[in-house]
Amino acid sequence: RVSVIASVCCFTGQMAALVALPFYIQHELGQSAVTAGLLMTPWPL
């Protein structure tokens, strides 16, 4: 039960971050879509 709850918590954080980061990098930091993709690539690596 604890592992299931922890999994829900961490995947909630993952999705929220993966939605927010492209907007942050492109709109607020003024980077291109290609650069945003490259800056997020270290995550899965």
ModelCIF file with pLDDT and N, C-alpha, C, O atoms, coordinates in Angstrom:
data_MODEL
#
_entry.id   MODEL 
#
_entity.id                         1 
_entity.type                       polymer 
_entity.pdbx_number_of_molecules   1 
#
_entity_poly.entity_id                      1 
_entity_poly.type                           'polypeptide(L)' 
_entity_poly.nstd_linkage                   no 
_entity_poly.nstd_monomer                   no 
_entity_poly.pdbx_seq_one_letter_code       RVSVIASVCCFTGQMAALVALPFYIQHELGQSAVTAGLLMTPWPL 
_entity_poly.pdbx_seq_one_letter_code_can   RVSVIASVCCFTGQMAALVALPFYIQHELGQSAVTAGLLMTPWPL 
_entity_poly.pdbx_strand_id                 A 
#
loop_
_entity_poly_seq.entity_id 
_entity_poly_seq.num 
_entity_poly_seq.mon_id 
_entity_poly_seq.hetero 
1 1  ARG n 
1 2  VAL n 
1 3  SER n 
1 4  VAL n 
1 5  ILE n 
1 6  ALA n 
1 7  SER n 
1 8  VAL n 
1 9  CYS n 
1 10 CYS n 
1 11 PHE n 
1 12 THR n 
1 13 GLY n 
1 14 GLN n 
1 15 MET n 
1 16 ALA n 
1 17 ALA n 
1 18 LEU n 
1 19 VAL n 
1 20 ALA n 
1 21 LEU n 
1 22 PRO n 
1 23 PHE n 
1 24 TYR n 
1 25 ILE n 
1 26 GLN n 
1 27 HIS n 
1 28 GLU n 
1 29 LEU n 
1 30 GLY n 
1 31 GLN n 
1 32 SER n 
1 33 ALA n 
1 34 VAL n 
1 35 THR n 
1 36 ALA n 
1 37 GLY n 
1 38 LEU n 
1 39 LEU n 
1 40 MET n 
1 41 THR n 
1 42 PRO n 
1 43 TRP n 
1 44 PRO n 
1 45 LEU n 
#
_struct_asym.id          A 
_struct_asym.entity_id   1 
#
loop_
_ma_qa_metric.id 
_ma_qa_metric.mode 
_ma_qa_metric.name 
_ma_qa_metric.software_group_id 
_ma_qa_metric.type 
1 global pLDDT . pLDDT 
2 local  pLDDT . pLDDT 
#
_ma_qa_metric_global.metric_id      1 
_ma_qa_metric_global.metric_value   84.49 
_ma_qa_metric_global.model_id       1 
_ma_qa_metric_global.ordinal_id     1 
#
loop_
_ma_qa_metric_local.label_asym_id 
_ma_qa_metric_local.label_comp_id 
_ma_qa_metric_local.label_seq_id 
_ma_qa_metric_local.metric_id 
_ma_qa_metric_local.metric_value 
_ma_qa_metric_local.model_id 
_ma_qa_metric_local.ordinal_id 
A ARG 1  2 93.00 1 1  
A VAL 2  2 94.00 1 2  
A SER 3  2 94.00 1 3  
A VAL 4  2 95.00 1 4  
A ILE 5  2 95.00 1 5  
A ALA 6  2 96.00 1 6  
A SER 7  2 94.00 1 7  
A VAL 8  2 95.00 1 8  
A CYS 9  2 96.00 1 9  
A CYS 10 2 95.00 1 10 
A PHE 11 2 92.00 1 11 
A THR 12 2 93.00 1 12 
A GLY 13 2 93.00 1 13 
A GLN 14 2 90.00 1 14 
A MET 15 2 86.00 1 15 
A ALA 16 2 88.00 1 16 
A ALA 17 2 89.00 1 17 
A LEU 18 2 82.00 1 18 
A VAL 19 2 82.00 1 19 
A ALA 20 2 86.00 1 20 
A LEU 21 2 85.00 1 21 
A PRO 22 2 82.00 1 22 
A PHE 23 2 82.00 1 23 
A TYR 24 2 83.00 1 24 
A ILE 25 2 82.00 1 25 
A GLN 26 2 78.00 1 26 
A HIS 27 2 78.00 1 27 
A GLU 28 2 79.00 1 28 
A LEU 29 2 80.00 1 29 
A GLY 30 2 79.00 1 30 
A GLN 31 2 76.00 1 31 
A SER 32 2 74.00 1 32 
A ALA 33 2 67.00 1 33 
A VAL 34 2 70.00 1 34 
A THR 35 2 76.00 1 35 
A ALA 36 2 76.00 1 36 
A GLY 37 2 72.00 1 37 
A LEU 38 2 77.00 1 38 
A LEU 39 2 80.00 1 39 
A MET 40 2 80.00 1 40 
A THR 41 2 80.00 1 41 
A PRO 42 2 85.00 1 42 
A TRP 43 2 86.00 1 43 
A PRO 44 2 82.00 1 44 
A LEU 45 2 85.00 1 45 
#
loop_
_atom_site.group_PDB 
_atom_site.id 
_atom_site.type_symbol 
_atom_site.label_atom_id 
_atom_site.label_alt_id 
_atom_site.label_comp_id 
_atom_site.label_asym_id 
_atom_site.label_entity_id 
_atom_site.label_seq_id 
_atom_site.pdbx_PDB_ins_code 
_atom_site.Cartn_x 
_atom_site.Cartn_y 
_atom_site.Cartn_z 
_atom_site.occupancy 
_atom_site.B_iso_or_equiv 
_atom_site.pdbx_formal_charge 
_atom_site.auth_seq_id 
_atom_site.auth_comp_id 
_atom_site.auth_asym_id 
_atom_site.auth_atom_id 
_atom_site.pdbx_PDB_model_num 
ATOM 1   N N  . ARG A 1 1  ? 0.828  -1.210 0.000   1.00 93.00 ? 1  ARG A N  1 
ATOM 2   C CA . ARG A 1 1  ? 0.000  0.000  0.000   1.00 93.00 ? 1  ARG A CA 1 
ATOM 3   C C  . ARG A 1 1  ? 0.862  1.261  0.000   1.00 93.00 ? 1  ARG A C  1 
ATOM 4   O O  . ARG A 1 1  ? 0.581  2.213  -0.728  1.00 93.00 ? 1  ARG A O  1 
ATOM 5   N N  . VAL A 1 2  ? 1.901  1.261  0.810   1.00 94.00 ? 2  VAL A N  1 
ATOM 6   C CA . VAL A 1 2  ? 2.784  2.425  0.876   1.00 94.00 ? 2  VAL A CA 1 
ATOM 7   C C  . VAL A 1 2  ? 3.490  2.640  -0.463  1.00 94.00 ? 2  VAL A C  1 
ATOM 8   O O  . VAL A 1 2  ? 3.637  3.780  -0.904  1.00 94.00 ? 2  VAL A O  1 
ATOM 9   N N  . SER A 1 3  ? 3.924  1.567  -1.109  1.00 94.00 ? 3  SER A N  1 
ATOM 10  C CA . SER A 1 3  ? 4.602  1.701  -2.399  1.00 94.00 ? 3  SER A CA 1 
ATOM 11  C C  . SER A 1 3  ? 3.672  2.269  -3.463  1.00 94.00 ? 3  SER A C  1 
ATOM 12  O O  . SER A 1 3  ? 4.095  3.068  -4.299  1.00 94.00 ? 3  SER A O  1 
ATOM 13  N N  . VAL A 1 4  ? 2.404  1.859  -3.434  1.00 95.00 ? 4  VAL A N  1 
ATOM 14  C CA . VAL A 1 4  ? 1.432  2.383  -4.397  1.00 95.00 ? 4  VAL A CA 1 
ATOM 15  C C  . VAL A 1 4  ? 1.235  3.881  -4.184  1.00 95.00 ? 4  VAL A C  1 
ATOM 16  O O  . VAL A 1 4  ? 1.240  4.649  -5.146  1.00 95.00 ? 4  VAL A O  1 
ATOM 17  N N  . ILE A 1 5  ? 1.063  4.296  -2.942  1.00 95.00 ? 5  ILE A N  1 
ATOM 18  C CA . ILE A 1 5  ? 0.858  5.723  -2.648  1.00 95.00 ? 5  ILE A CA 1 
ATOM 19  C C  . ILE A 1 5  ? 2.085  6.535  -3.049  1.00 95.00 ? 5  ILE A C  1 
ATOM 20  O O  . ILE A 1 5  ? 1.952  7.610  -3.633  1.00 95.00 ? 5  ILE A O  1 
ATOM 21  N N  . ALA A 1 6  ? 3.279  6.027  -2.739  1.00 96.00 ? 6  ALA A N  1 
ATOM 22  C CA . ALA A 1 6  ? 4.504  6.731  -3.113  1.00 96.00 ? 6  ALA A CA 1 
ATOM 23  C C  . ALA A 1 6  ? 4.627  6.843  -4.623  1.00 96.00 ? 6  ALA A C  1 
ATOM 24  O O  . ALA A 1 6  ? 5.083  7.867  -5.132  1.00 96.00 ? 6  ALA A O  1 
ATOM 25  N N  . SER A 1 7  ? 4.225  5.804  -5.345  1.00 94.00 ? 7  SER A N  1 
ATOM 26  C CA . SER A 1 7  ? 4.285  5.835  -6.801  1.00 94.00 ? 7  SER A CA 1 
ATOM 27  C C  . SER A 1 7  ? 3.358  6.906  -7.368  1.00 94.00 ? 7  SER A C  1 
ATOM 28  O O  . SER A 1 7  ? 3.742  7.645  -8.274  1.00 94.00 ? 7  SER A O  1 
ATOM 29  N N  . VAL A 1 8  ? 2.141  6.990  -6.837  1.00 95.00 ? 8  VAL A N  1 
ATOM 30  C CA . VAL A 1 8  ? 1.208  8.033  -7.283  1.00 95.00 ? 8  VAL A CA 1 
ATOM 31  C C  . VAL A 1 8  ? 1.814  9.416  -7.046  1.00 95.00 ? 8  VAL A C  1 
ATOM 32  O O  . VAL A 1 8  ? 1.732  10.283 -7.916  1.00 95.00 ? 8  VAL A O  1 
ATOM 33  N N  . CYS A 1 9  ? 2.413  9.626  -5.891  1.00 96.00 ? 9  CYS A N  1 
ATOM 34  C CA . CYS A 1 9  ? 3.011  10.926 -5.567  1.00 96.00 ? 9  CYS A CA 1 
ATOM 35  C C  . CYS A 1 9  ? 4.117  11.292 -6.561  1.00 96.00 ? 9  CYS A C  1 
ATOM 36  O O  . CYS A 1 9  ? 4.138  12.405 -7.087  1.00 96.00 ? 9  CYS A O  1 
ATOM 37  N N  . CYS A 1 10 ? 5.027  10.363 -6.814  1.00 95.00 ? 10 CYS A N  1 
ATOM 38  C CA . CYS A 1 10 ? 6.176  10.682 -7.657  1.00 95.00 ? 10 CYS A CA 1 
ATOM 39  C C  . CYS A 1 10 ? 5.781  10.849 -9.120  1.00 95.00 ? 10 CYS A C  1 
ATOM 40  O O  . CYS A 1 10 ? 6.348  11.692 -9.814  1.00 95.00 ? 10 CYS A O  1 
ATOM 41  N N  . PHE A 1 11 ? 4.828  10.067 -9.598  1.00 92.00 ? 11 PHE A N  1 
ATOM 42  C CA . PHE A 1 11 ? 4.390  10.248 -10.987 1.00 92.00 ? 11 PHE A CA 1 
ATOM 43  C C  . PHE A 1 11 ? 3.566  11.518 -11.146 1.00 92.00 ? 11 PHE A C  1 
ATOM 44  O O  . PHE A 1 11 ? 3.545  12.113 -12.223 1.00 92.00 ? 11 PHE A O  1 
ATOM 45  N N  . THR A 1 12 ? 2.888  11.938 -10.083 1.00 93.00 ? 12 THR A N  1 
ATOM 46  C CA . THR A 1 12 ? 2.226  13.244 -10.120 1.00 93.00 ? 12 THR A CA 1 
ATOM 47  C C  . THR A 1 12 ? 3.264  14.351 -10.294 1.00 93.00 ? 12 THR A C  1 
ATOM 48  O O  . THR A 1 12 ? 3.084  15.253 -11.111 1.00 93.00 ? 12 THR A O  1 
ATOM 49  N N  . GLY A 1 13 ? 4.348  14.278 -9.526  1.00 93.00 ? 13 GLY A N  1 
ATOM 50  C CA . GLY A 1 13 ? 5.414  15.261 -9.671  1.00 93.00 ? 13 GLY A CA 1 
ATOM 51  C C  . GLY A 1 13 ? 6.068  15.209 -11.028 1.00 93.00 ? 13 GLY A C  1 
ATOM 52  O O  . GLY A 1 13 ? 6.398  16.251 -11.594 1.00 93.00 ? 13 GLY A O  1 
ATOM 53  N N  . GLN A 1 14 ? 6.265  14.012 -11.567 1.00 90.00 ? 14 GLN A N  1 
ATOM 54  C CA . GLN A 1 14 ? 6.894  13.889 -12.882 1.00 90.00 ? 14 GLN A CA 1 
ATOM 55  C C  . GLN A 1 14 ? 6.063  14.564 -13.966 1.00 90.00 ? 14 GLN A C  1 
ATOM 56  O O  . GLN A 1 14 ? 6.597  15.340 -14.758 1.00 90.00 ? 14 GLN A O  1 
ATOM 57  N N  . MET A 1 15 ? 4.754  14.279 -14.014 1.00 86.00 ? 15 MET A N  1 
ATOM 58  C CA . MET A 1 15 ? 3.925  14.856 -15.070 1.00 86.00 ? 15 MET A CA 1 
ATOM 59  C C  . MET A 1 15 ? 3.818  16.373 -14.934 1.00 86.00 ? 15 MET A C  1 
ATOM 60  O O  . MET A 1 15 ? 3.904  17.095 -15.927 1.00 86.00 ? 15 MET A O  1 
ATOM 61  N N  . ALA A 1 16 ? 3.628  16.857 -13.702 1.00 88.00 ? 16 ALA A N  1 
ATOM 62  C CA . ALA A 1 16 ? 3.545  18.311 -13.511 1.00 88.00 ? 16 ALA A CA 1 
ATOM 63  C C  . ALA A 1 16 ? 4.820  18.992 -13.987 1.00 88.00 ? 16 ALA A C  1 
ATOM 64  O O  . ALA A 1 16 ? 4.758  20.050 -14.613 1.00 88.00 ? 16 ALA A O  1 
ATOM 65  N N  . ALA A 1 17 ? 5.972  18.401 -13.701 1.00 89.00 ? 17 ALA A N  1 
ATOM 66  C CA . ALA A 1 17 ? 7.244  18.990 -14.121 1.00 89.00 ? 17 ALA A CA 1 
ATOM 67  C C  . ALA A 1 17 ? 7.426  18.920 -15.634 1.00 89.00 ? 17 ALA A C  1 
ATOM 68  O O  . ALA A 1 17 ? 7.908  19.875 -16.244 1.00 89.00 ? 17 ALA A O  1 
ATOM 69  N N  . LEU A 1 18 ? 7.044  17.796 -16.245 1.00 82.00 ? 18 LEU A N  1 
ATOM 70  C CA . LEU A 1 18 ? 7.228  17.648 -17.689 1.00 82.00 ? 18 LEU A CA 1 
ATOM 71  C C  . LEU A 1 18 ? 6.295  18.560 -18.482 1.00 82.00 ? 18 LEU A C  1 
ATOM 72  O O  . LEU A 1 18 ? 6.581  18.890 -19.633 1.00 82.00 ? 18 LEU A O  1 
ATOM 73  N N  . VAL A 1 19 ? 5.177  18.969 -17.871 1.00 82.00 ? 19 VAL A N  1 
ATOM 74  C CA . VAL A 1 19 ? 4.299  19.954 -18.515 1.00 82.00 ? 19 VAL A CA 1 
ATOM 75  C C  . VAL A 1 19 ? 4.839  21.360 -18.297 1.00 82.00 ? 19 VAL A C  1 
ATOM 76  O O  . VAL A 1 19 ? 4.813  22.183 -19.212 1.00 82.00 ? 19 VAL A O  1 
ATOM 77  N N  . ALA A 1 20 ? 5.327  21.644 -17.091 1.00 86.00 ? 20 ALA A N  1 
ATOM 78  C CA . ALA A 1 20 ? 5.751  23.005 -16.750 1.00 86.00 ? 20 ALA A CA 1 
ATOM 79  C C  . ALA A 1 20 ? 7.084  23.391 -17.394 1.00 86.00 ? 20 ALA A C  1 
ATOM 80  O O  . ALA A 1 20 ? 7.246  24.529 -17.835 1.00 86.00 ? 20 ALA A O  1 
ATOM 81  N N  . LEU A 1 21 ? 8.029  22.470 -17.451 1.00 85.00 ? 21 LEU A N  1 
ATOM 82  C CA . LEU A 1 21 ? 9.376  22.816 -17.902 1.00 85.00 ? 21 LEU A CA 1 
ATOM 83  C C  . LEU A 1 21 ? 9.441  23.366 -19.323 1.00 85.00 ? 21 LEU A C  1 
ATOM 84  O O  . LEU A 1 21 ? 10.146 24.352 -19.540 1.00 85.00 ? 21 LEU A O  1 
ATOM 85  N N  . PRO A 1 22 ? 8.742  22.783 -20.313 1.00 82.00 ? 22 PRO A N  1 
ATOM 86  C CA . PRO A 1 22 ? 8.821  23.376 -21.660 1.00 82.00 ? 22 PRO A CA 1 
ATOM 87  C C  . PRO A 1 22 ? 8.329  24.825 -21.706 1.00 82.00 ? 22 PRO A C  1 
ATOM 88  O O  . PRO A 1 22 ? 8.917  25.657 -22.396 1.00 82.00 ? 22 PRO A O  1 
ATOM 89  N N  . PHE A 1 23 ? 7.241  25.130 -20.964 1.00 82.00 ? 23 PHE A N  1 
ATOM 90  C CA . PHE A 1 23 ? 6.755  26.509 -20.916 1.00 82.00 ? 23 PHE A CA 1 
ATOM 91  C C  . PHE A 1 23 ? 7.781  27.420 -20.247 1.00 82.00 ? 23 PHE A C  1 
ATOM 92  O O  . PHE A 1 23 ? 8.007  28.548 -20.686 1.00 82.00 ? 23 PHE A O  1 
ATOM 93  N N  . TYR A 1 24 ? 8.394  26.921 -19.188 1.00 83.00 ? 24 TYR A N  1 
ATOM 94  C CA . TYR A 1 24 ? 9.392  27.711 -18.471 1.00 83.00 ? 24 TYR A CA 1 
ATOM 95  C C  . TYR A 1 24 ? 10.585 28.029 -19.370 1.00 83.00 ? 24 TYR A C  1 
ATOM 96  O O  . TYR A 1 24 ? 11.017 29.177 -19.465 1.00 83.00 ? 24 TYR A O  1 
ATOM 97  N N  . ILE A 1 25 ? 11.103 27.005 -20.022 1.00 82.00 ? 25 ILE A N  1 
ATOM 98  C CA . ILE A 1 25 ? 12.311 27.184 -20.833 1.00 82.00 ? 25 ILE A CA 1 
ATOM 99  C C  . ILE A 1 25 ? 12.035 28.036 -22.057 1.00 82.00 ? 25 ILE A C  1 
ATOM 100 O O  . ILE A 1 25 ? 12.848 28.892 -22.408 1.00 82.00 ? 25 ILE A O  1 
ATOM 101 N N  . GLN A 1 26 ? 10.897 27.817 -22.715 1.00 78.00 ? 26 GLN A N  1 
ATOM 102 C CA . GLN A 1 26 ? 10.621 28.544 -23.961 1.00 78.00 ? 26 GLN A CA 1 
ATOM 103 C C  . GLN A 1 26 ? 10.073 29.942 -23.715 1.00 78.00 ? 26 GLN A C  1 
ATOM 104 O O  . GLN A 1 26 ? 10.546 30.903 -24.322 1.00 78.00 ? 26 GLN A O  1 
ATOM 105 N N  . HIS A 1 27 ? 9.088  30.073 -22.839 1.00 78.00 ? 27 HIS A N  1 
ATOM 106 C CA . HIS A 1 27 ? 8.412  31.357 -22.674 1.00 78.00 ? 27 HIS A CA 1 
ATOM 107 C C  . HIS A 1 27 ? 9.147  32.295 -21.730 1.00 78.00 ? 27 HIS A C  1 
ATOM 108 O O  . HIS A 1 27 ? 9.349  33.467 -22.049 1.00 78.00 ? 27 HIS A O  1 
ATOM 109 N N  . GLU A 1 28 ? 9.548  31.784 -20.565 1.00 79.00 ? 28 GLU A N  1 
ATOM 110 C CA . GLU A 1 28 ? 10.183 32.667 -19.587 1.00 79.00 ? 28 GLU A CA 1 
ATOM 111 C C  . GLU A 1 28 ? 11.667 32.871 -19.872 1.00 79.00 ? 28 GLU A C  1 
ATOM 112 O O  . GLU A 1 28 ? 12.181 33.978 -19.707 1.00 79.00 ? 28 GLU A O  1 
ATOM 113 N N  . LEU A 1 29 ? 12.359 31.817 -20.298 1.00 80.00 ? 29 LEU A N  1 
ATOM 114 C CA . LEU A 1 29 ? 13.792 31.919 -20.548 1.00 80.00 ? 29 LEU A CA 1 
ATOM 115 C C  . LEU A 1 29 ? 14.116 32.253 -21.999 1.00 80.00 ? 29 LEU A C  1 
ATOM 116 O O  . LEU A 1 29 ? 15.275 32.505 -22.331 1.00 80.00 ? 29 LEU A O  1 
ATOM 117 N N  . GLY A 1 30 ? 13.104 32.258 -22.868 1.00 79.00 ? 30 GLY A N  1 
ATOM 118 C CA . GLY A 1 30 ? 13.298 32.688 -24.243 1.00 79.00 ? 30 GLY A CA 1 
ATOM 119 C C  . GLY A 1 30 ? 14.091 31.738 -25.114 1.00 79.00 ? 30 GLY A C  1 
ATOM 120 O O  . GLY A 1 30 ? 14.724 32.171 -26.077 1.00 79.00 ? 30 GLY A O  1 
ATOM 121 N N  . GLN A 1 31 ? 14.072 30.457 -24.803 1.00 76.00 ? 31 GLN A N  1 
ATOM 122 C CA . GLN A 1 31 ? 14.812 29.476 -25.594 1.00 76.00 ? 31 GLN A CA 1 
ATOM 123 C C  . GLN A 1 31 ? 13.895 28.865 -26.663 1.00 76.00 ? 31 GLN A C  1 
ATOM 124 O O  . GLN A 1 31 ? 12.671 28.926 -26.549 1.00 76.00 ? 31 GLN A O  1 
ATOM 125 N N  . SER A 1 32 ? 14.495 28.282 -27.690 1.00 74.00 ? 32 SER A N  1 
ATOM 126 C CA . SER A 1 32 ? 13.728 27.656 -28.759 1.00 74.00 ? 32 SER A CA 1 
ATOM 127 C C  . SER A 1 32 ? 13.185 26.301 -28.312 1.00 74.00 ? 32 SER A C  1 
ATOM 128 O O  . SER A 1 32 ? 13.583 25.763 -27.279 1.00 74.00 ? 32 SER A O  1 
ATOM 129 N N  . ALA A 1 33 ? 12.262 25.761 -29.122 1.00 67.00 ? 33 ALA A N  1 
ATOM 130 C CA . ALA A 1 33 ? 11.699 24.454 -28.804 1.00 67.00 ? 33 ALA A CA 1 
ATOM 131 C C  . ALA A 1 33 ? 12.774 23.369 -28.856 1.00 67.00 ? 33 ALA A C  1 
ATOM 132 O O  . ALA A 1 33 ? 12.776 22.438 -28.051 1.00 67.00 ? 33 ALA A O  1 
ATOM 133 N N  . VAL A 1 34 ? 13.687 23.508 -29.817 1.00 70.00 ? 34 VAL A N  1 
ATOM 134 C CA . VAL A 1 34 ? 14.771 22.532 -29.929 1.00 70.00 ? 34 VAL A CA 1 
ATOM 135 C C  . VAL A 1 34 ? 15.652 22.568 -28.686 1.00 70.00 ? 34 VAL A C  1 
ATOM 136 O O  . VAL A 1 34 ? 16.030 21.526 -28.151 1.00 70.00 ? 34 VAL A O  1 
ATOM 137 N N  . THR A 1 35 ? 15.976 23.776 -28.234 1.00 76.00 ? 35 THR A N  1 
ATOM 138 C CA . THR A 1 35 ? 16.794 23.914 -27.022 1.00 76.00 ? 35 THR A CA 1 
ATOM 139 C C  . THR A 1 35 ? 16.082 23.355 -25.807 1.00 76.00 ? 35 THR A C  1 
ATOM 140 O O  . THR A 1 35 ? 16.696 22.724 -24.947 1.00 76.00 ? 35 THR A O  1 
ATOM 141 N N  . ALA A 1 36 ? 14.767 23.595 -25.743 1.00 76.00 ? 36 ALA A N  1 
ATOM 142 C CA . ALA A 1 36 ? 13.996 23.056 -24.623 1.00 76.00 ? 36 ALA A CA 1 
ATOM 143 C C  . ALA A 1 36 ? 14.074 21.529 -24.601 1.00 76.00 ? 36 ALA A C  1 
ATOM 144 O O  . ALA A 1 36 ? 14.237 20.918 -23.544 1.00 76.00 ? 36 ALA A O  1 
ATOM 145 N N  . GLY A 1 37 ? 13.955 20.930 -25.776 1.00 72.00 ? 37 GLY A N  1 
ATOM 146 C CA . GLY A 1 37 ? 14.054 19.479 -25.852 1.00 72.00 ? 37 GLY A CA 1 
ATOM 147 C C  . GLY A 1 37 ? 15.412 18.983 -25.408 1.00 72.00 ? 37 GLY A C  1 
ATOM 148 O O  . GLY A 1 37 ? 15.510 17.984 -24.696 1.00 72.00 ? 37 GLY A O  1 
ATOM 149 N N  . LEU A 1 38 ? 16.468 19.677 -25.826 1.00 77.00 ? 38 LEU A N  1 
ATOM 150 C CA . LEU A 1 38 ? 17.821 19.273 -25.451 1.00 77.00 ? 38 LEU A CA 1 
ATOM 151 C C  . LEU A 1 38 ? 18.051 19.428 -23.947 1.00 77.00 ? 38 LEU A C  1 
ATOM 152 O O  . LEU A 1 38 ? 18.715 18.595 -23.330 1.00 77.00 ? 38 LEU A O  1 
ATOM 153 N N  . LEU A 1 39 ? 17.505 20.490 -23.360 1.00 80.00 ? 39 LEU A N  1 
ATOM 154 C CA . LEU A 1 39 ? 17.708 20.725 -21.933 1.00 80.00 ? 39 LEU A CA 1 
ATOM 155 C C  . LEU A 1 39 ? 16.934 19.715 -21.068 1.00 80.00 ? 39 LEU A C  1 
ATOM 156 O O  . LEU A 1 39 ? 17.292 19.475 -19.915 1.00 80.00 ? 39 LEU A O  1 
ATOM 157 N N  . MET A 1 40 ? 15.875 19.133 -21.634 1.00 80.00 ? 40 MET A N  1 
ATOM 158 C CA . MET A 1 40 ? 15.110 18.141 -20.893 1.00 80.00 ? 40 MET A CA 1 
ATOM 159 C C  . MET A 1 40 ? 15.609 16.716 -21.138 1.00 80.00 ? 40 MET A C  1 
ATOM 160 O O  . MET A 1 40 ? 15.210 15.787 -20.436 1.00 80.00 ? 40 MET A O  1 
ATOM 161 N N  . THR A 1 41 ? 16.475 16.546 -22.126 1.00 80.00 ? 41 THR A N  1 
ATOM 162 C CA . THR A 1 41 ? 17.000 15.214 -22.432 1.00 80.00 ? 41 THR A CA 1 
ATOM 163 C C  . THR A 1 41 ? 17.801 14.608 -21.287 1.00 80.00 ? 41 THR A C  1 
ATOM 164 O O  . THR A 1 41 ? 17.741 13.391 -21.108 1.00 80.00 ? 41 THR A O  1 
ATOM 165 N N  . PRO A 1 42 ? 18.558 15.394 -20.490 1.00 85.00 ? 42 PRO A N  1 
ATOM 166 C CA . PRO A 1 42 ? 19.284 14.769 -19.361 1.00 85.00 ? 42 PRO A CA 1 
ATOM 167 C C  . PRO A 1 42 ? 18.385 14.023 -18.390 1.00 85.00 ? 42 PRO A C  1 
ATOM 168 O O  . PRO A 1 42 ? 18.850 13.112 -17.704 1.00 85.00 ? 42 PRO A O  1 
ATOM 169 N N  . TRP A 1 43 ? 17.120 14.383 -18.314 1.00 86.00 ? 43 TRP A N  1 
ATOM 170 C CA . TRP A 1 43 ? 16.202 13.712 -17.384 1.00 86.00 ? 43 TRP A CA 1 
ATOM 171 C C  . TRP A 1 43 ? 16.104 12.215 -17.689 1.00 86.00 ? 43 TRP A C  1 
ATOM 172 O O  . TRP A 1 43 ? 16.471 11.407 -16.837 1.00 86.00 ? 43 TRP A O  1 
ATOM 173 N N  . PRO A 1 44 ? 15.615 11.807 -18.891 1.00 82.00 ? 44 PRO A N  1 
ATOM 174 C CA . PRO A 1 44 ? 15.538 10.364 -19.149 1.00 82.00 ? 44 PRO A CA 1 
ATOM 175 C C  . PRO A 1 44 ? 16.898 9.679  -19.187 1.00 82.00 ? 44 PRO A C  1 
ATOM 176 O O  . PRO A 1 44 ? 17.013 8.504  -18.837 1.00 82.00 ? 44 PRO A O  1 
ATOM 177 N N  . LEU A 1 45 ? 17.934 10.412 -19.612 1.00 85.00 ? 45 LEU A N  1 
ATOM 178 C CA . LEU A 1 45 ? 19.271 9.809  -19.611 1.00 85.00 ? 45 LEU A CA 1 
ATOM 179 C C  . LEU A 1 45 ? 19.722 9.494  -18.184 1.00 85.00 ? 45 LEU A C  1 
ATOM 180 O O  . LEU A 1 45 ? 20.823 8.982  -17.983 1.00 85.00 ? 45 LEU A O  1 
#
